[in-house]
Amino acid sequence: MSEGMYFAFGSNIVPSQMASRCAGATSLGSAVLEGHRFRIGRRGYGTVVPEPGATVHGVLWSLRPEDEAALDVYEGVRHGLYRKVRQPVRTADGAEHEAMVYVAAEPEPGAAVAGYVEKIVAAAEAHGFPAAYLDELRSWLP
């Protein structure tokens, strides 16, 4: 199996969390998923939902097969909590890449699990995501 690309938009934008879950993952930098919006799903964690004109900011990762397998376990793919889809994302240099994205099986809006959004906002600030997007993330704070 070859390396794949993964677009992270939730807690997996936190470098230390990705390092502990996927030792072989390599950050390819910031990227955007257009035509989608970030949302906290019914189970209290992040997802993306289609929305024309909206943009989700995140981090593009290169994953080894064993990293993807570890993420599948973490994201609860086998239990139906998240499913994997492929979406085009654009990096800061304008290049488009097809990347795997985890999407919640129950995307209906919910309340965030304590401490979850705070970690995402801190990492998004460190990555230099746009102020308007940071405000959107903060709107999900409990």
C-alpha atoms as a PDB file:
ATOM      1  CA  MET A   1       0.000   0.000   0.000  1.00  0.00           C
ATOM      2  CA  SER A   2       1.147   3.506  -0.674  1.00  0.00           C
ATOM      3  CA  GLU A   3       0.937   6.637   1.403  1.00  0.00           C
ATOM      4  CA  GLY A   4      -2.341   8.513   1.335  1.00  0.00           C
ATOM      5  CA  MET A   5      -3.412  12.031   2.073  1.00  0.00           C
ATOM      6  CA  TYR A   6      -5.696  12.904   4.965  1.00  0.00           C
ATOM      7  CA  PHE A   7      -7.413  16.245   5.603  1.00  0.00           C
ATOM      8  CA  ALA A   8      -7.775  16.935   9.337  1.00  0.00           C
ATOM      9  CA  PHE A   9     -10.110  19.683  10.560  1.00  0.00           C
ATOM     10  CA  GLY A  10     -10.804  18.720  14.196  1.00  0.00           C
ATOM     11  CA  SER A  11      -8.522  17.543  16.998  1.00  0.00           C
ATOM     12  CA  ASN A  12      -6.173  15.956  14.453  1.00  0.00           C
ATOM     13  CA  ILE A  13      -4.924  19.449  13.550  1.00  0.00           C
ATOM     14  CA  VAL A  14      -3.171  19.328  16.948  1.00  0.00           C
ATOM     15  CA  PRO A  15       0.382  18.144  16.096  1.00  0.00           C
ATOM     16  CA  SER A  16       0.983  16.389  19.429  1.00  0.00           C
ATOM     17  CA  GLN A  17      -2.273  14.449  19.137  1.00  0.00           C
ATOM     18  CA  MET A  18      -1.462  13.305  15.606  1.00  0.00           C
ATOM     19  CA  ALA A  19       2.064  12.337  16.693  1.00  0.00           C
ATOM     20  CA  SER A  20       0.660  10.112  19.444  1.00  0.00           C
ATOM     21  CA  ARG A  21      -1.910   8.500  17.115  1.00  0.00           C
ATOM     22  CA  CYS A  22       0.114   8.276  13.903  1.00  0.00           C
ATOM     23  CA  ALA A  23       3.867   8.229  14.424  1.00  0.00           C
ATOM     24  CA  GLY A  24       4.543   8.065  10.673  1.00  0.00           C
ATOM     25  CA  ALA A  25       2.254  10.916   9.634  1.00  0.00           C
ATOM     26  CA  THR A  26       3.867  13.938   7.994  1.00  0.00           C
ATOM     27  CA  SER A  27       2.214  17.355   7.946  1.00  0.00           C
ATOM     28  CA  LEU A  28       1.975  18.828   4.451  1.00  0.00           C
ATOM     29  CA  GLY A  29       0.756  22.145   5.858  1.00  0.00           C
ATOM     30  CA  SER A  30      -2.523  24.004   5.908  1.00  0.00           C
ATOM     31  CA  ALA A  31      -5.245  23.220   3.400  1.00  0.00           C
ATOM     32  CA  VAL A  32      -8.870  24.103   2.739  1.00  0.00           C
ATOM     33  CA  LEU A  33     -11.939  22.042   1.929  1.00  0.00           C
ATOM     34  CA  GLU A  34     -14.298  24.224  -0.061  1.00  0.00           C
ATOM     35  CA  GLY A  35     -18.064  23.821  -0.236  1.00  0.00           C
ATOM     36  CA  HIS A  36     -18.247  22.526   3.344  1.00  0.00           C
ATOM     37  CA  ARG A  37     -18.725  23.918   6.855  1.00  0.00           C
ATOM     38  CA  PHE A  38     -17.321  22.750  10.206  1.00  0.00           C
ATOM     39  CA  ARG A  39     -19.915  21.548  12.680  1.00  0.00           C
ATOM     40  CA  ILE A  40     -20.053  19.762  16.003  1.00  0.00           C
ATOM     41  CA  GLY A  41     -22.078  16.622  15.360  1.00  0.00           C
ATOM     42  CA  ARG A  42     -24.613  14.945  17.591  1.00  0.00           C
ATOM     43  CA  ARG A  43     -21.955  12.924  19.461  1.00  0.00           C
ATOM     44  CA  GLY A  44     -20.061  16.093  20.427  1.00  0.00           C
ATOM     45  CA  TYR A  45     -17.147  15.951  17.993  1.00  0.00           C
ATOM     46  CA  GLY A  46     -16.288  17.723  14.754  1.00  0.00           C
ATOM     47  CA  THR A  47     -17.523  16.902  11.302  1.00  0.00           C
ATOM     48  CA  VAL A  48     -17.967  18.690   8.005  1.00  0.00           C
ATOM     49  CA  VAL A  49     -21.221  19.151   6.132  1.00  0.00           C
ATOM     50  CA  PRO A  50     -21.762  20.294   2.544  1.00  0.00           C
ATOM     51  CA  GLU A  51     -22.557  24.006   2.267  1.00  0.00           C
ATOM     52  CA  PRO A  52     -22.057  25.984  -0.935  1.00  0.00           C
ATOM     53  CA  GLY A  53     -19.733  28.943  -0.454  1.00  0.00           C
ATOM     54  CA  ALA A  54     -18.382  27.776   2.912  1.00  0.00           C
ATOM     55  CA  THR A  55     -14.780  26.714   3.592  1.00  0.00           C
ATOM     56  CA  VAL A  56     -13.221  24.454   6.216  1.00  0.00           C
ATOM     57  CA  HIS A  57      -9.594  25.093   7.161  1.00  0.00           C
ATOM     58  CA  GLY A  58      -7.411  22.226   8.270  1.00  0.00           C
ATOM     59  CA  VAL A  59      -4.129  20.390   7.919  1.00  0.00           C
ATOM     60  CA  LEU A  60      -3.191  17.981   5.144  1.00  0.00           C
ATOM     61  CA  TRP A  61      -1.282  14.924   6.339  1.00  0.00           C
ATOM     62  CA  SER A  62       0.595  12.224   4.460  1.00  0.00           C
ATOM     63  CA  LEU A  63      -0.234   8.888   6.095  1.00  0.00           C
ATOM     64  CA  ARG A  64       1.299   5.455   5.920  1.00  0.00           C
ATOM     65  CA  PRO A  65      -1.211   2.564   5.775  1.00  0.00           C
ATOM     66  CA  GLU A  66      -0.612   1.768   9.450  1.00  0.00           C
ATOM     67  CA  ASP A  67      -1.353   5.405  10.378  1.00  0.00           C
ATOM     68  CA  GLU A  68      -4.628   5.285   8.479  1.00  0.00           C
ATOM     69  CA  ALA A  69      -5.517   2.025  10.241  1.00  0.00           C
ATOM     70  CA  ALA A  70      -4.809   3.655  13.628  1.00  0.00           C
ATOM     71  CA  LEU A  71      -6.984   6.649  12.710  1.00  0.00           C
ATOM     72  CA  ASP A  72      -9.791   4.334  11.592  1.00  0.00           C
ATOM     73  CA  VAL A  73      -9.774   2.808  15.085  1.00  0.00           C
ATOM     74  CA  TYR A  74      -9.581   6.217  16.805  1.00  0.00           C
ATOM     75  CA  GLU A  75     -12.433   7.621  14.668  1.00  0.00           C
ATOM     76  CA  GLY A  76     -14.640   4.573  15.260  1.00  0.00           C
ATOM     77  CA  VAL A  77     -15.055   3.694  11.578  1.00  0.00           C
ATOM     78  CA  ARG A  78     -15.768   0.036  12.350  1.00  0.00           C
ATOM     79  CA  HIS A  79     -18.489   1.074  14.819  1.00  0.00           C
ATOM     80  CA  GLY A  80     -20.105   3.468  12.361  1.00  0.00           C
ATOM     81  CA  LEU A  81     -19.233   6.667  14.235  1.00  0.00           C
ATOM     82  CA  TYR A  82     -17.389   8.133  11.245  1.00  0.00           C
ATOM     83  CA  ARG A  83     -17.128   7.179   7.601  1.00  0.00           C
ATOM     84  CA  LYS A  84     -14.329   7.984   5.193  1.00  0.00           C
ATOM     85  CA  VAL A  85     -14.922  10.018   2.054  1.00  0.00           C
ATOM     86  CA  ARG A  86     -12.519  11.413  -0.541  1.00  0.00           C
ATOM     87  CA  GLN A  87     -12.653  15.129  -1.208  1.00  0.00           C
ATOM     88  CA  PRO A  88     -10.521  17.611  -3.127  1.00  0.00           C
ATOM     89  CA  VAL A  89      -8.589  19.988  -0.884  1.00  0.00           C
ATOM     90  CA  ARG A  90      -6.356  22.906  -1.798  1.00  0.00           C
ATOM     91  CA  THR A  91      -3.028  23.685  -0.147  1.00  0.00           C
ATOM     92  CA  ALA A  92      -1.631  27.176   0.444  1.00  0.00           C
ATOM     93  CA  ASP A  93       0.359  27.006  -2.820  1.00  0.00           C
ATOM     94  CA  GLY A  94      -2.884  26.502  -4.758  1.00  0.00           C
ATOM     95  CA  ALA A  95      -2.306  22.813  -5.525  1.00  0.00           C
ATOM     96  CA  GLU A  96      -5.337  20.533  -5.380  1.00  0.00           C
ATOM     97  CA  HIS A  97      -5.088  17.081  -3.815  1.00  0.00           C
ATOM     98  CA  GLU A  98      -7.618  14.333  -3.234  1.00  0.00           C
ATOM     99  CA  ALA A  99      -7.678  13.529   0.470  1.00  0.00           C
ATOM    100  CA  MET A 100      -9.485  11.261   2.856  1.00  0.00           C
ATOM    101  CA  VAL A 101     -11.862  13.054   5.226  1.00  0.00           C
ATOM    102  CA  TYR A 102     -13.670  11.544   8.211  1.00  0.00           C
ATOM    103  CA  VAL A 103     -17.346  12.551   8.280  1.00  0.00           C
ATOM    104  CA  ALA A 104     -19.632  11.876  11.254  1.00  0.00           C
ATOM    105  CA  ALA A 105     -22.394   9.360  10.707  1.00  0.00           C
ATOM    106  CA  GLU A 106     -24.673  11.641  12.751  1.00  0.00           C
ATOM    107  CA  PRO A 107     -23.854  15.180  11.577  1.00  0.00           C
ATOM    108  CA  GLU A 108     -26.901  16.833  13.152  1.00  0.00           C
ATOM    109  CA  PRO A 109     -25.679  19.738  15.359  1.00  0.00           C
ATOM    110  CA  GLY A 110     -24.805  18.833  18.917  1.00  0.00           C
ATOM    111  CA  ALA A 111     -22.993  20.219  21.944  1.00  0.00           C
ATOM    112  CA  ALA A 112     -19.218  19.853  22.022  1.00  0.00           C
ATOM    113  CA  VAL A 113     -17.543  17.497  24.480  1.00  0.00           C
ATOM    114  CA  ALA A 114     -15.805  19.500  27.244  1.00  0.00           C
ATOM    115  CA  GLY A 115     -12.347  20.728  26.214  1.00  0.00           C
ATOM    116  CA  TYR A 116     -12.646  19.576  22.604  1.00  0.00           C
ATOM    117  CA  VAL A 117     -13.241  22.883  20.801  1.00  0.00           C
ATOM    118  CA  GLU A 118     -10.707  24.685  22.989  1.00  0.00           C
ATOM    119  CA  LYS A 119      -7.929  22.391  21.677  1.00  0.00           C
ATOM    120  CA  ILE A 120      -9.034  22.929  18.084  1.00  0.00           C
ATOM    121  CA  VAL A 121      -9.143  26.728  18.459  1.00  0.00           C
ATOM    122  CA  ALA A 122      -5.654  26.812  20.025  1.00  0.00           C
ATOM    123  CA  ALA A 123      -4.217  24.679  17.218  1.00  0.00           C
ATOM    124  CA  ALA A 124      -6.066  26.699  14.544  1.00  0.00           C
ATOM    125  CA  GLU A 125      -4.541  29.890  15.976  1.00  0.00           C
ATOM    126  CA  ALA A 126      -1.074  28.290  15.929  1.00  0.00           C
ATOM    127  CA  HIS A 127      -1.597  27.260  12.292  1.00  0.00           C
ATOM    128  CA  GLY A 128      -2.545  30.850  11.417  1.00  0.00           C
ATOM    129  CA  PHE A 129      -6.059  30.107  10.174  1.00  0.00           C
ATOM    130  CA  PRO A 130      -8.054  33.243   9.185  1.00  0.00           C
ATOM    131  CA  ALA A 131      -9.687  35.318  11.939  1.00  0.00           C
ATOM    132  CA  ALA A 132     -13.194  34.812  10.540  1.00  0.00           C
ATOM    133  CA  TYR A 133     -12.711  31.039  10.610  1.00  0.00           C
ATOM    134  CA  LEU A 134     -11.360  31.187  14.178  1.00  0.00           C
ATOM    135  CA  ASP A 135     -14.534  33.083  15.143  1.00  0.00           C
ATOM    136  CA  GLU A 136     -16.618  30.351  13.513  1.00  0.00           C
ATOM    137  CA  LEU A 137     -14.777  27.691  15.528  1.00  0.00           C
ATOM    138  CA  ARG A 138     -15.205  29.716  18.729  1.00  0.00           C
ATOM    139  CA  SER A 139     -18.965  29.823  18.100  1.00  0.00           C
ATOM    140  CA  TRP A 140     -18.982  26.097  19.000  1.00  0.00           C
ATOM    141  CA  LEU A 141     -17.438  26.685  22.435  1.00  0.00           C
ATOM    142  CA  PRO A 142     -19.746  25.553  25.257  1.00  0.00           C
END
